[in-house]
Amino acid sequence: MHPVVAFLLNALALYAVIGAIVAVAFATFGVTWVQPAPVSLGARILLLPGATALWPYVLVRWIRIR
């Protein structure tokens, strides 16, 4: 495999792993801090894919609210 391709795939995998960790933590604890309304389990599950993909934005918003 070409080194550039390997680097890009590793970077994508790292982005996805960090995103999954941030998304689960956000859906479990942080969503009620960012939005002060009650959030159901179904809504938390629906937030997971978006929070995984947009984890840098989610993390910045979560840190600013604290």
C-alpha atoms as a PDB file:
ATOM      1  CA  MET A   1       0.000   0.000   0.000  1.00  0.00           C
ATOM      2  CA  HIS A   2       1.220   3.466  -0.824  1.00  0.00           C
ATOM      3  CA  PRO A   3       2.424   5.389   2.269  1.00  0.00           C
ATOM      4  CA  VAL A   4       0.141   8.355   1.565  1.00  0.00           C
ATOM      5  CA  VAL A   5      -2.902   6.095   1.350  1.00  0.00           C
ATOM      6  CA  ALA A   6      -1.901   4.325   4.558  1.00  0.00           C
ATOM      7  CA  PHE A   7      -1.476   7.661   6.314  1.00  0.00           C
ATOM      8  CA  LEU A   8      -4.885   8.901   5.136  1.00  0.00           C
ATOM      9  CA  LEU A   9      -6.624   5.703   6.205  1.00  0.00           C
ATOM     10  CA  ASN A  10      -4.963   5.818   9.613  1.00  0.00           C
ATOM     11  CA  ALA A  11      -5.951   9.473  10.013  1.00  0.00           C
ATOM     12  CA  LEU A  12      -9.551   8.640   9.066  1.00  0.00           C
ATOM     13  CA  ALA A  13      -9.617   5.745  11.530  1.00  0.00           C
ATOM     14  CA  LEU A  14      -8.245   7.962  14.302  1.00  0.00           C
ATOM     15  CA  TYR A  15     -10.843  10.645  13.501  1.00  0.00           C
ATOM     16  CA  ALA A  16     -13.621   8.038  13.675  1.00  0.00           C
ATOM     17  CA  VAL A  17     -12.416   6.570  16.979  1.00  0.00           C
ATOM     18  CA  ILE A  18     -12.091   9.974  18.633  1.00  0.00           C
ATOM     19  CA  GLY A  19     -15.475  10.917  17.197  1.00  0.00           C
ATOM     20  CA  ALA A  20     -17.132   7.811  18.610  1.00  0.00           C
ATOM     21  CA  ILE A  21     -15.686   8.445  22.067  1.00  0.00           C
ATOM     22  CA  VAL A  22     -16.741  12.101  22.073  1.00  0.00           C
ATOM     23  CA  ALA A  23     -20.195  11.244  20.696  1.00  0.00           C
ATOM     24  CA  VAL A  24     -20.937   8.632  23.347  1.00  0.00           C
ATOM     25  CA  ALA A  25     -19.742  10.951  26.118  1.00  0.00           C
ATOM     26  CA  PHE A  26     -21.752  13.838  24.673  1.00  0.00           C
ATOM     27  CA  ALA A  27     -24.919  11.798  24.247  1.00  0.00           C
ATOM     28  CA  THR A  28     -24.574  10.439  27.774  1.00  0.00           C
ATOM     29  CA  PHE A  29     -23.621  13.568  29.708  1.00  0.00           C
ATOM     30  CA  GLY A  30     -23.193  16.682  27.593  1.00  0.00           C
ATOM     31  CA  VAL A  31     -26.385  17.039  25.610  1.00  0.00           C
ATOM     32  CA  THR A  32     -28.318  18.325  28.616  1.00  0.00           C
ATOM     33  CA  TRP A  33     -25.647  20.985  29.224  1.00  0.00           C
ATOM     34  CA  VAL A  34     -25.743  22.293  25.663  1.00  0.00           C
ATOM     35  CA  GLN A  35     -29.530  22.110  25.452  1.00  0.00           C
ATOM     36  CA  PRO A  36     -31.186  22.564  28.856  1.00  0.00           C
ATOM     37  CA  ALA A  37     -34.283  20.547  27.940  1.00  0.00           C
ATOM     38  CA  PRO A  38     -34.994  16.919  28.765  1.00  0.00           C
ATOM     39  CA  VAL A  39     -33.686  14.555  26.085  1.00  0.00           C
ATOM     40  CA  SER A  40     -35.105  11.066  25.579  1.00  0.00           C
ATOM     41  CA  LEU A  41     -33.089   7.936  24.901  1.00  0.00           C
ATOM     42  CA  GLY A  42     -34.272   7.883  21.289  1.00  0.00           C
ATOM     43  CA  ALA A  43     -33.086  11.438  20.724  1.00  0.00           C
ATOM     44  CA  ARG A  44     -29.711  10.589  22.248  1.00  0.00           C
ATOM     45  CA  ILE A  45     -29.362   7.637  19.867  1.00  0.00           C
ATOM     46  CA  LEU A  46     -30.232   9.858  16.918  1.00  0.00           C
ATOM     47  CA  LEU A  47     -27.561  12.351  18.002  1.00  0.00           C
ATOM     48  CA  LEU A  48     -24.757   9.772  17.898  1.00  0.00           C
ATOM     49  CA  PRO A  49     -24.009   9.715  14.128  1.00  0.00           C
ATOM     50  CA  GLY A  50     -23.994  13.479  13.794  1.00  0.00           C
ATOM     51  CA  ALA A  51     -21.903  13.966  16.907  1.00  0.00           C
ATOM     52  CA  THR A  52     -19.448  11.352  15.645  1.00  0.00           C
ATOM     53  CA  ALA A  53     -19.023  13.080  12.308  1.00  0.00           C
ATOM     54  CA  LEU A  54     -18.885  16.606  13.732  1.00  0.00           C
ATOM     55  CA  TRP A  55     -16.985  15.855  16.933  1.00  0.00           C
ATOM     56  CA  PRO A  56     -14.634  18.887  16.808  1.00  0.00           C
ATOM     57  CA  TYR A  57     -17.628  21.259  16.701  1.00  0.00           C
ATOM     58  CA  VAL A  58     -19.487  19.280  19.377  1.00  0.00           C
ATOM     59  CA  LEU A  59     -16.441  19.299  21.646  1.00  0.00           C
ATOM     60  CA  VAL A  60     -15.903  23.047  21.270  1.00  0.00           C
ATOM     61  CA  ARG A  61     -19.563  23.777  22.049  1.00  0.00           C
ATOM     62  CA  TRP A  62     -19.472  21.438  25.030  1.00  0.00           C
ATOM     63  CA  ILE A  63     -16.313  23.018  26.453  1.00  0.00           C
ATOM     64  CA  ARG A  64     -17.648  26.577  25.982  1.00  0.00           C
ATOM     65  CA  ILE A  65     -20.857  25.758  27.876  1.00  0.00           C
ATOM     66  CA  ARG A  66     -18.979  24.411  30.892  1.00  0.00           C
END
